[in-house]
PDB file of N, CA and C in Angstrom:
ATOM      1  N   MET A   1      22.639  24.104   8.111  1.00  0.00           N
ATOM      2  CA  MET A   1      21.221  23.979   8.397  1.00  0.00           C
ATOM      3  C   MET A   1      20.635  22.742   7.716  1.00  0.00           C
ATOM      4  N   ARG A   2      20.968  22.528   6.449  1.00  0.00           N
ATOM      5  CA  ARG A   2      20.446  21.359   5.736  1.00  0.00           C
ATOM      6  C   ARG A   2      20.880  20.064   6.415  1.00  0.00           C
ATOM      7  N   PHE A   3      22.135  20.025   6.845  1.00  0.00           N
ATOM      8  CA  PHE A   3      22.645  18.832   7.519  1.00  0.00           C
ATOM      9  C   PHE A   3      21.853  18.545   8.787  1.00  0.00           C
ATOM     10  N   THR A   4      21.556  19.579   9.552  1.00  0.00           N
ATOM     11  CA  THR A   4      20.808  19.415  10.804  1.00  0.00           C
ATOM     12  C   THR A   4      19.414  18.859  10.526  1.00  0.00           C
ATOM     13  N   ILE A   5      18.738  19.399   9.546  1.00  0.00           N
ATOM     14  CA  ILE A   5      17.388  18.913   9.203  1.00  0.00           C
ATOM     15  C   ILE A   5      17.455  17.475   8.721  1.00  0.00           C
ATOM     16  N   LEU A   6      18.396  17.157   7.866  1.00  0.00           N
ATOM     17  CA  LEU A   6      18.552  15.795   7.370  1.00  0.00           C
ATOM     18  C   LEU A   6      18.859  14.825   8.505  1.00  0.00           C
ATOM     19  N   PHE A   7      19.728  15.222   9.413  1.00  0.00           N
ATOM     20  CA  PHE A   7      20.077  14.382  10.563  1.00  0.00           C
ATOM     21  C   PHE A   7      18.848  14.115  11.432  1.00  0.00           C
ATOM     22  N   VAL A   8      18.059  15.119  11.693  1.00  0.00           N
ATOM     23  CA  VAL A   8      16.850  14.965  12.517  1.00  0.00           C
ATOM     24  C   VAL A   8      15.858  14.039  11.825  1.00  0.00           C
ATOM     25  N   LEU A   9      15.658  14.196  10.532  1.00  0.00           N
ATOM     26  CA  LEU A   9      14.708  13.346   9.803  1.00  0.00           C
ATOM     27  C   LEU A   9      15.161  11.889   9.777  1.00  0.00           C
ATOM     28  N   ILE A  10      16.430  11.647   9.553  1.00  0.00           N
ATOM     29  CA  ILE A  10      16.946  10.278   9.534  1.00  0.00           C
ATOM     30  C   ILE A  10      16.858   9.663  10.926  1.00  0.00           C
ATOM     31  N   SER A  11      17.210  10.411  11.939  1.00  0.00           N
ATOM     32  CA  SER A  11      17.134   9.897  13.311  1.00  0.00           C
ATOM     33  C   SER A  11      15.699   9.574  13.698  1.00  0.00           C
ATOM     34  N   ALA A  12      14.777  10.428  13.344  1.00  0.00           N
ATOM     35  CA  ALA A  12      13.369  10.205  13.690  1.00  0.00           C
ATOM     36  C   ALA A  12      12.824   8.984  12.977  1.00  0.00           C
ATOM     37  N   SER A  13      13.210   8.778  11.727  1.00  0.00           N
ATOM     38  CA  SER A  13      12.693   7.613  11.000  1.00  0.00           C
ATOM     39  C   SER A  13      13.277   6.318  11.547  1.00  0.00           C
ATOM     40  N   ALA A  14      14.473   6.356  12.066  1.00  0.00           N
ATOM     41  CA  ALA A  14      15.085   5.152  12.620  1.00  0.00           C
ATOM     42  C   ALA A  14      14.380   4.711  13.894  1.00  0.00           C
ATOM     43  N   PHE A  15      13.845   5.655  14.654  1.00  0.00           N
ATOM     44  CA  PHE A  15      13.177   5.325  15.904  1.00  0.00           C
ATOM     45  C   PHE A  15      11.658   5.478  15.816  1.00  0.00           C
ATOM     46  N   GLY A  16      11.149   5.839  14.662  1.00  0.00           N
ATOM     47  CA  GLY A  16       9.747   6.159  14.528  1.00  0.00           C
ATOM     48  C   GLY A  16       8.806   4.978  14.456  1.00  0.00           C
ATOM     49  N   HIS A  17       9.275   3.818  14.075  1.00  0.00           N
ATOM     50  CA  HIS A  17       8.376   2.684  13.899  1.00  0.00           C
ATOM     51  C   HIS A  17       9.060   1.406  14.366  1.00  0.00           C
ATOM     52  N   PRO A  18       9.191   1.234  15.658  1.00  0.00           N
ATOM     53  CA  PRO A  18       9.915   0.070  16.184  1.00  0.00           C
ATOM     54  C   PRO A  18       9.094  -1.214  16.089  1.00  0.00           C
ATOM     55  N   GLY A  19       9.764  -2.334  16.272  1.00  0.00           N
ATOM     56  CA  GLY A  19       9.061  -3.608  16.350  1.00  0.00           C
ATOM     57  C   GLY A  19       8.335  -3.714  17.675  1.00  0.00           C
ATOM     58  N   ILE A  20       7.119  -4.271  17.650  1.00  0.00           N
ATOM     59  CA  ILE A  20       6.357  -4.436  18.879  1.00  0.00           C
ATOM     60  C   ILE A  20       5.833  -5.858  18.957  1.00  0.00           C
ATOM     61  N   GLY A  21       5.507  -6.269  20.123  1.00  0.00           N
ATOM     62  CA  GLY A  21       4.919  -7.585  20.325  1.00  0.00           C
ATOM     63  C   GLY A  21       5.948  -8.599  20.772  1.00  0.00           C
ATOM     64  N   ILE A  22       5.763  -9.089  21.952  1.00  0.00           N
ATOM     65  CA  ILE A  22       6.568 -10.192  22.465  1.00  0.00           C
ATOM     66  C   ILE A  22       5.587 -11.324  22.695  1.00  0.00           C
ATOM     67  N   VAL A  23       5.863 -12.472  22.105  1.00  0.00           N
ATOM     68  CA  VAL A  23       4.921 -13.581  22.126  1.00  0.00           C
ATOM     69  C   VAL A  23       5.535 -14.760  22.872  1.00  0.00           C
ATOM     70  N   GLU A  24       4.727 -15.416  23.696  1.00  0.00           N
ATOM     71  CA  GLU A  24       5.144 -16.625  24.394  1.00  0.00           C
ATOM     72  C   GLU A  24       4.283 -17.780  23.887  1.00  0.00           C
ATOM     73  N   ASP A  25       4.917 -18.886  23.529  1.00  0.00           N
ATOM     74  CA  ASP A  25       4.154 -20.047  23.078  1.00  0.00           C
ATOM     75  C   ASP A  25       3.851 -20.990  24.246  1.00  0.00           C
ATOM     76  N   SER A  26       3.192 -22.114  23.953  1.00  0.00           N
ATOM     77  CA  SER A  26       2.777 -23.046  25.010  1.00  0.00           C
ATOM     78  C   SER A  26       3.945 -23.744  25.698  1.00  0.00           C
ATOM     79  N   ARG A  27       5.129 -23.671  25.102  1.00  0.00           N
ATOM     80  CA  ARG A  27       6.326 -24.280  25.696  1.00  0.00           C
ATOM     81  C   ARG A  27       7.203 -23.252  26.404  1.00  0.00           C
ATOM     82  N   SER A  28       6.658 -22.063  26.619  1.00  0.00           N
ATOM     83  CA  SER A  28       7.340 -20.952  27.302  1.00  0.00           C
ATOM     84  C   SER A  28       8.513 -20.385  26.518  1.00  0.00           C
ATOM     85  N   ASN A  29       8.557 -20.584  25.192  1.00  0.00           N
ATOM     86  CA  ASN A  29       9.533 -19.913  24.345  1.00  0.00           C
ATOM     87  C   ASN A  29       9.040 -18.496  24.101  1.00  0.00           C
ATOM     88  N   ILE A  30       9.958 -17.554  24.082  1.00  0.00           N
ATOM     89  CA  ILE A  30       9.635 -16.149  23.847  1.00  0.00           C
ATOM     90  C   ILE A  30      10.113 -15.776  22.450  1.00  0.00           C
ATOM     91  N   PHE A  31       9.285 -15.053  21.686  1.00  0.00           N
ATOM     92  CA  PHE A  31       9.614 -14.595  20.339  1.00  0.00           C
ATOM     93  C   PHE A  31       9.522 -13.077  20.295  1.00  0.00           C
ATOM     94  N   TYR A  32      10.494 -12.448  19.585  1.00  0.00           N
ATOM     95  CA  TYR A  32      10.465 -10.998  19.400  1.00  0.00           C
ATOM     96  C   TYR A  32      11.178 -10.651  18.110  1.00  0.00           C
ATOM     97  N   THR A  33      11.015  -9.419  17.627  1.00  0.00           N
ATOM     98  CA  THR A  33      11.629  -8.987  16.379  1.00  0.00           C
ATOM     99  C   THR A  33      12.598  -7.833  16.614  1.00  0.00           C
ATOM    100  N   ASP A  34      13.620  -7.781  15.759  1.00  0.00           N
ATOM    101  CA  ASP A  34      14.515  -6.619  15.750  1.00  0.00           C
ATOM    102  C   ASP A  34      14.397  -5.879  14.408  1.00  0.00           C
ATOM    103  N   LEU A  35      13.303  -6.103  13.716  1.00  0.00           N
ATOM    104  CA  LEU A  35      12.933  -5.516  12.419  1.00  0.00           C
ATOM    105  C   LEU A  35      13.612  -6.185  11.227  1.00  0.00           C
ATOM    106  N   SER A  36      14.558  -7.074  11.437  1.00  0.00           N
ATOM    107  CA  SER A  36      15.146  -7.799  10.306  1.00  0.00           C
ATOM    108  C   SER A  36      15.150  -9.304  10.529  1.00  0.00           C
ATOM    109  N   LYS A  37      14.853  -9.722  11.752  1.00  0.00           N
ATOM    110  CA  LYS A  37      14.808 -11.150  12.099  1.00  0.00           C
ATOM    111  C   LYS A  37      13.770 -11.351  13.190  1.00  0.00           C
ATOM    112  N   VAL A  38      13.296 -12.595  13.310  1.00  0.00           N
ATOM    113  CA  VAL A  38      12.480 -12.970  14.462  1.00  0.00           C
ATOM    114  C   VAL A  38      13.330 -13.898  15.309  1.00  0.00           C
ATOM    115  N   TRP A  39      13.446 -13.571  16.581  1.00  0.00           N
ATOM    116  CA  TRP A  39      14.286 -14.301  17.523  1.00  0.00           C
ATOM    117  C   TRP A  39      13.436 -15.161  18.447  1.00  0.00           C
ATOM    118  N   LYS A  40      14.025 -16.241  18.936  1.00  0.00           N
ATOM    119  CA  LYS A  40      13.392 -17.093  19.939  1.00  0.00           C
ATOM    120  C   LYS A  40      14.347 -17.234  21.115  1.00  0.00           C
ATOM    121  N   VAL A  41      13.795 -17.102  22.318  1.00  0.00           N
ATOM    122  CA  VAL A  41      14.558 -17.338  23.538  1.00  0.00           C
ATOM    123  C   VAL A  41      13.862 -18.479  24.267  1.00  0.00           C
ATOM    124  N   THR A  42      14.597 -19.559  24.509  1.00  0.00           N
ATOM    125  CA  THR A  42      14.034 -20.725  25.177  1.00  0.00           C
ATOM    126  C   THR A  42      14.017 -20.508  26.683  1.00  0.00           C
ATOM    127  N   PRO A  43      13.256 -21.308  27.426  1.00  0.00           N
ATOM    128  CA  PRO A  43      13.198 -21.135  28.884  1.00  0.00           C
ATOM    129  C   PRO A  43      14.560 -21.221  29.579  1.00  0.00           C
ATOM    130  N   ASP A  44      15.509 -21.953  28.975  1.00  0.00           N
ATOM    131  CA  ASP A  44      16.841 -22.037  29.590  1.00  0.00           C
ATOM    132  C   ASP A  44      17.778 -20.917  29.121  1.00  0.00           C
ATOM    133  N   GLY A  45      17.246 -19.950  28.350  1.00  0.00           N
ATOM    134  CA  GLY A  45      18.016 -18.770  27.969  1.00  0.00           C
ATOM    135  C   GLY A  45      18.730 -18.835  26.638  1.00  0.00           C
ATOM    136  N   ARG A  46      18.606 -19.945  25.906  1.00  0.00           N
ATOM    137  CA  ARG A  46      19.253 -20.022  24.589  1.00  0.00           C
ATOM    138  C   ARG A  46      18.504 -19.146  23.589  1.00  0.00           C
ATOM    139  N   LYS A  47      19.260 -18.397  22.819  1.00  0.00           N
ATOM    140  CA  LYS A  47      18.704 -17.457  21.851  1.00  0.00           C
ATOM    141  C   LYS A  47      19.050 -17.930  20.447  1.00  0.00           C
ATOM    142  N   SER A  48      18.050 -17.911  19.531  1.00  0.00           N
ATOM    143  CA  SER A  48      18.301 -18.322  18.153  1.00  0.00           C
ATOM    144  C   SER A  48      17.384 -17.544  17.209  1.00  0.00           C
ATOM    145  N   ILE A  49      17.786 -17.488  15.953  1.00  0.00           N
ATOM    146  CA  ILE A  49      16.984 -16.839  14.918  1.00  0.00           C
ATOM    147  C   ILE A  49      16.038 -17.882  14.345  1.00  0.00           C
ATOM    148  N   VAL A  50      14.737 -17.575  14.316  1.00  0.00           N
ATOM    149  CA  VAL A  50      13.773 -18.517  13.745  1.00  0.00           C
ATOM    150  C   VAL A  50      13.292 -18.088  12.365  1.00  0.00           C
ATOM    151  N   VAL A  51      13.324 -16.791  12.061  1.00  0.00           N
ATOM    152  CA  VAL A  51      13.006 -16.285  10.722  1.00  0.00           C
ATOM    153  C   VAL A  51      14.032 -15.213  10.409  1.00  0.00           C
ATOM    154  N   GLN A  52      14.807 -15.447   9.355  1.00  0.00           N
ATOM    155  CA  GLN A  52      15.860 -14.502   8.983  1.00  0.00           C
ATOM    156  C   GLN A  52      15.428 -13.695   7.770  1.00  0.00           C
ATOM    157  N   ASP A  53      15.960 -12.504   7.635  1.00  0.00           N
ATOM    158  CA  ASP A  53      15.696 -11.635   6.483  1.00  0.00           C
ATOM    159  C   ASP A  53      14.219 -11.361   6.278  1.00  0.00           C
ATOM    160  N   VAL A  54      13.554 -10.971   7.351  1.00  0.00           N
ATOM    161  CA  VAL A  54      12.146 -10.586   7.261  1.00  0.00           C
ATOM    162  C   VAL A  54      11.990  -9.228   7.938  1.00  0.00           C
ATOM    163  N   HIS A  55      11.302  -8.324   7.273  1.00  0.00           N
ATOM    164  CA  HIS A  55      11.065  -7.004   7.848  1.00  0.00           C
ATOM    165  C   HIS A  55       9.674  -7.015   8.467  1.00  0.00           C
ATOM    166  N   THR A  56       9.624  -7.164   9.770  1.00  0.00           N
ATOM    167  CA  THR A  56       8.342  -7.217  10.459  1.00  0.00           C
ATOM    168  C   THR A  56       8.328  -6.248  11.623  1.00  0.00           C
ATOM    169  N   HIS A  57       7.177  -5.668  11.869  1.00  0.00           N
ATOM    170  CA  HIS A  57       7.027  -4.720  12.969  1.00  0.00           C
ATOM    171  C   HIS A  57       6.167  -5.259  14.091  1.00  0.00           C
ATOM    172  N   GLU A  58       5.279  -6.195  13.784  1.00  0.00           N
ATOM    173  CA  GLU A  58       4.345  -6.666  14.803  1.00  0.00           C
ATOM    174  C   GLU A  58       4.337  -8.182  14.871  1.00  0.00           C
ATOM    175  N   LEU A  59       4.403  -8.693  16.080  1.00  0.00           N
ATOM    176  CA  LEU A  59       4.221 -10.116  16.332  1.00  0.00           C
ATOM    177  C   LEU A  59       2.995 -10.259  17.217  1.00  0.00           C
ATOM    178  N   PHE A  60       2.217 -11.285  16.968  1.00  0.00           N
ATOM    179  CA  PHE A  60       1.056 -11.534  17.810  1.00  0.00           C
ATOM    180  C   PHE A  60       0.774 -13.029  17.811  1.00  0.00           C
ATOM    181  N   PRO A  61       0.149 -13.528  18.865  1.00  0.00           N
ATOM    182  CA  PRO A  61      -0.118 -14.964  18.950  1.00  0.00           C
ATOM    183  C   PRO A  61      -1.127 -15.391  17.892  1.00  0.00           C
ATOM    184  N   ARG A  62      -0.960 -16.608  17.437  1.00  0.00           N
ATOM    185  CA  ARG A  62      -1.892 -17.173  16.477  1.00  0.00           C
ATOM    186  C   ARG A  62      -3.188 -17.517  17.186  1.00  0.00           C
ATOM    187  N   ARG A  63      -4.303 -17.214  16.542  1.00  0.00           N
ATOM    188  CA  ARG A  63      -5.605 -17.527  17.139  1.00  0.00           C
ATOM    189  C   ARG A  63      -5.831 -19.017  17.176  1.00  0.00           C
ATOM    190  N   LYS A  64      -6.400 -19.485  18.259  1.00  0.00           N
ATOM    191  CA  LYS A  64      -6.750 -20.892  18.360  1.00  0.00           C
ATOM    192  C   LYS A  64      -7.998 -21.154  17.535  1.00  0.00           C
ATOM    193  N   ARG A  65      -8.024 -22.276  16.877  1.00  0.00           N
ATOM    194  CA  ARG A  65      -9.175 -22.608  16.021  1.00  0.00           C
ATOM    195  C   ARG A  65     -10.145 -23.488  16.736  1.00  0.00           C
TER     196      ARG A  65
END
């Protein structure tokens, strides 16, 4: 019984707070998070890490000044 409760709690916490927000910049690059890195996908499909070792849940566009 204890194992079942522990398994449910760990599983729920792993899926309970996902990363949200997909951002497109003026050059049509797409940015998203996997909770440990921020990724960039270029218009031609190349994927790269732009911020490593960061725990982030939300991405949003920068406000224009």
